[in-house]
Amino acid sequence: MVESEVVNANDELSTIKFHNAKATMNSQNMKVSAVFKNDTATPVPLTDATYDETLDILTFKQSATEGVIYLPDLVSLTMTPAA
């Protein structure tokens, strides 16, 4: 019996990129938070997503110092404009 839904490193959230970010109204830095299965009432702040105007790409890269995020444990990921 498998006790965890995590199988291997492919279940780790590493990087999310939004290309053509300006066209999708994502052309700014964003605050990122996650909700996990073990506490669905409390969003956890993560590393900010940064916008590269030259490449028109919004990038979220999980910081190694914040620990690994396993996709099976993730309920939602929210991005809101940074102040």
C-alpha atoms as a PDB file:
ATOM      1  CA  MET A   1       0.000   0.000   0.000  1.00  0.00           C
ATOM      2  CA  VAL A   2       1.321   3.440  -0.951  1.00  0.00           C
ATOM      3  CA  GLU A   3       1.006   5.918   1.925  1.00  0.00           C
ATOM      4  CA  SER A   4       1.981   8.988  -0.060  1.00  0.00           C
ATOM      5  CA  GLU A   5       0.770  10.322  -3.376  1.00  0.00           C
ATOM      6  CA  VAL A   6       4.287  11.624  -4.079  1.00  0.00           C
ATOM      7  CA  VAL A   7       6.050   9.278  -6.449  1.00  0.00           C
ATOM      8  CA  ASN A   8       9.298  10.981  -7.433  1.00  0.00           C
ATOM      9  CA  ALA A   9      10.951  14.314  -8.265  1.00  0.00           C
ATOM     10  CA  ASN A  10       8.459  14.872 -11.095  1.00  0.00           C
ATOM     11  CA  ASP A  11       5.899  15.634  -8.370  1.00  0.00           C
ATOM     12  CA  GLU A  12       7.926  18.648  -7.196  1.00  0.00           C
ATOM     13  CA  LEU A  13       6.821  22.157  -8.181  1.00  0.00           C
ATOM     14  CA  SER A  14       9.853  24.000  -9.462  1.00  0.00           C
ATOM     15  CA  THR A  15       9.098  26.715 -12.000  1.00  0.00           C
ATOM     16  CA  ILE A  16       6.023  28.208 -13.660  1.00  0.00           C
ATOM     17  CA  LYS A  17       6.432  30.574 -16.620  1.00  0.00           C
ATOM     18  CA  PHE A  18       3.811  32.703 -18.334  1.00  0.00           C
ATOM     19  CA  HIS A  19       5.029  33.673 -21.802  1.00  0.00           C
ATOM     20  CA  ASN A  20       3.408  36.632 -23.552  1.00  0.00           C
ATOM     21  CA  ALA A  21       2.502  37.882 -20.065  1.00  0.00           C
ATOM     22  CA  LYS A  22       1.508  41.374 -21.167  1.00  0.00           C
ATOM     23  CA  ALA A  23      -1.313  39.996 -23.325  1.00  0.00           C
ATOM     24  CA  THR A  24      -2.744  38.080 -20.353  1.00  0.00           C
ATOM     25  CA  MET A  25      -2.481  41.031 -17.931  1.00  0.00           C
ATOM     26  CA  ASN A  26       0.377  39.349 -16.037  1.00  0.00           C
ATOM     27  CA  SER A  27       3.000  41.982 -16.885  1.00  0.00           C
ATOM     28  CA  GLN A  28       3.965  42.795 -13.303  1.00  0.00           C
ATOM     29  CA  ASN A  29       5.572  41.160 -10.299  1.00  0.00           C
ATOM     30  CA  MET A  30       3.152  38.968  -8.346  1.00  0.00           C
ATOM     31  CA  LYS A  31       2.800  37.767  -4.773  1.00  0.00           C
ATOM     32  CA  VAL A  32       2.303  34.004  -4.750  1.00  0.00           C
ATOM     33  CA  SER A  33       0.539  31.926  -2.117  1.00  0.00           C
ATOM     34  CA  ALA A  34      -0.401  28.268  -1.901  1.00  0.00           C
ATOM     35  CA  VAL A  35      -3.085  26.282  -0.124  1.00  0.00           C
ATOM     36  CA  PHE A  36      -2.185  22.741   0.902  1.00  0.00           C
ATOM     37  CA  LYS A  37      -4.336  19.696   1.682  1.00  0.00           C
ATOM     38  CA  ASN A  38      -3.196  19.587   5.320  1.00  0.00           C
ATOM     39  CA  ASP A  39      -4.626  23.103   6.026  1.00  0.00           C
ATOM     40  CA  THR A  40      -7.041  24.354   3.382  1.00  0.00           C
ATOM     41  CA  ALA A  41      -7.993  27.409   5.461  1.00  0.00           C
ATOM     42  CA  THR A  42      -4.552  29.005   5.557  1.00  0.00           C
ATOM     43  CA  PRO A  43      -2.746  30.264   2.421  1.00  0.00           C
ATOM     44  CA  VAL A  44       1.042  30.029   2.705  1.00  0.00           C
ATOM     45  CA  PRO A  45       3.103  32.862   1.156  1.00  0.00           C
ATOM     46  CA  LEU A  46       5.757  31.685  -1.302  1.00  0.00           C
ATOM     47  CA  THR A  47       8.498  33.284  -3.384  1.00  0.00           C
ATOM     48  CA  ASP A  48       7.275  36.205  -5.529  1.00  0.00           C
ATOM     49  CA  ALA A  49       6.851  35.731  -9.276  1.00  0.00           C
ATOM     50  CA  THR A  50       8.932  38.234 -11.235  1.00  0.00           C
ATOM     51  CA  TYR A  51       8.150  39.853 -14.554  1.00  0.00           C
ATOM     52  CA  ASP A  52      10.867  40.278 -17.191  1.00  0.00           C
ATOM     53  CA  GLU A  53       9.719  43.113 -19.453  1.00  0.00           C
ATOM     54  CA  THR A  54      12.374  42.433 -22.111  1.00  0.00           C
ATOM     55  CA  LEU A  55      11.298  38.804 -22.572  1.00  0.00           C
ATOM     56  CA  ASP A  56       7.652  39.431 -21.584  1.00  0.00           C
ATOM     57  CA  ILE A  57       7.711  36.449 -19.200  1.00  0.00           C
ATOM     58  CA  LEU A  58       6.316  36.170 -15.669  1.00  0.00           C
ATOM     59  CA  THR A  59       8.302  33.543 -13.748  1.00  0.00           C
ATOM     60  CA  PHE A  60       7.647  31.805 -10.444  1.00  0.00           C
ATOM     61  CA  LYS A  61      10.577  29.751  -9.194  1.00  0.00           C
ATOM     62  CA  GLN A  62      10.252  27.923  -5.901  1.00  0.00           C
ATOM     63  CA  SER A  63      13.077  28.868  -3.560  1.00  0.00           C
ATOM     64  CA  ALA A  64      15.168  25.961  -2.309  1.00  0.00           C
ATOM     65  CA  THR A  65      15.309  27.594   1.123  1.00  0.00           C
ATOM     66  CA  GLU A  66      11.497  27.458   1.407  1.00  0.00           C
ATOM     67  CA  GLY A  67      11.411  23.713   0.930  1.00  0.00           C
ATOM     68  CA  VAL A  68       9.930  21.440  -1.687  1.00  0.00           C
ATOM     69  CA  ILE A  69       6.316  21.767  -2.795  1.00  0.00           C
ATOM     70  CA  TYR A  70       4.832  18.479  -3.910  1.00  0.00           C
ATOM     71  CA  LEU A  71       2.034  18.867  -6.465  1.00  0.00           C
ATOM     72  CA  PRO A  72      -0.170  16.125  -4.926  1.00  0.00           C
ATOM     73  CA  ASP A  73      -0.216  18.151  -1.654  1.00  0.00           C
ATOM     74  CA  LEU A  74      -1.216  21.382  -3.402  1.00  0.00           C
ATOM     75  CA  VAL A  75      -4.865  22.497  -3.509  1.00  0.00           C
ATOM     76  CA  SER A  76      -4.360  25.893  -5.182  1.00  0.00           C
ATOM     77  CA  LEU A  77      -1.743  28.426  -6.158  1.00  0.00           C
ATOM     78  CA  THR A  78      -2.759  32.101  -6.239  1.00  0.00           C
ATOM     79  CA  MET A  79      -0.964  35.074  -7.762  1.00  0.00           C
ATOM     80  CA  THR A  80      -1.918  38.640  -6.883  1.00  0.00           C
ATOM     81  CA  PRO A  81      -0.249  41.855  -8.058  1.00  0.00           C
ATOM     82  CA  ALA A  82       2.653  42.917  -5.851  1.00  0.00           C
ATOM     83  CA  ALA A  83       2.394  46.404  -4.389  1.00  0.00           C
END
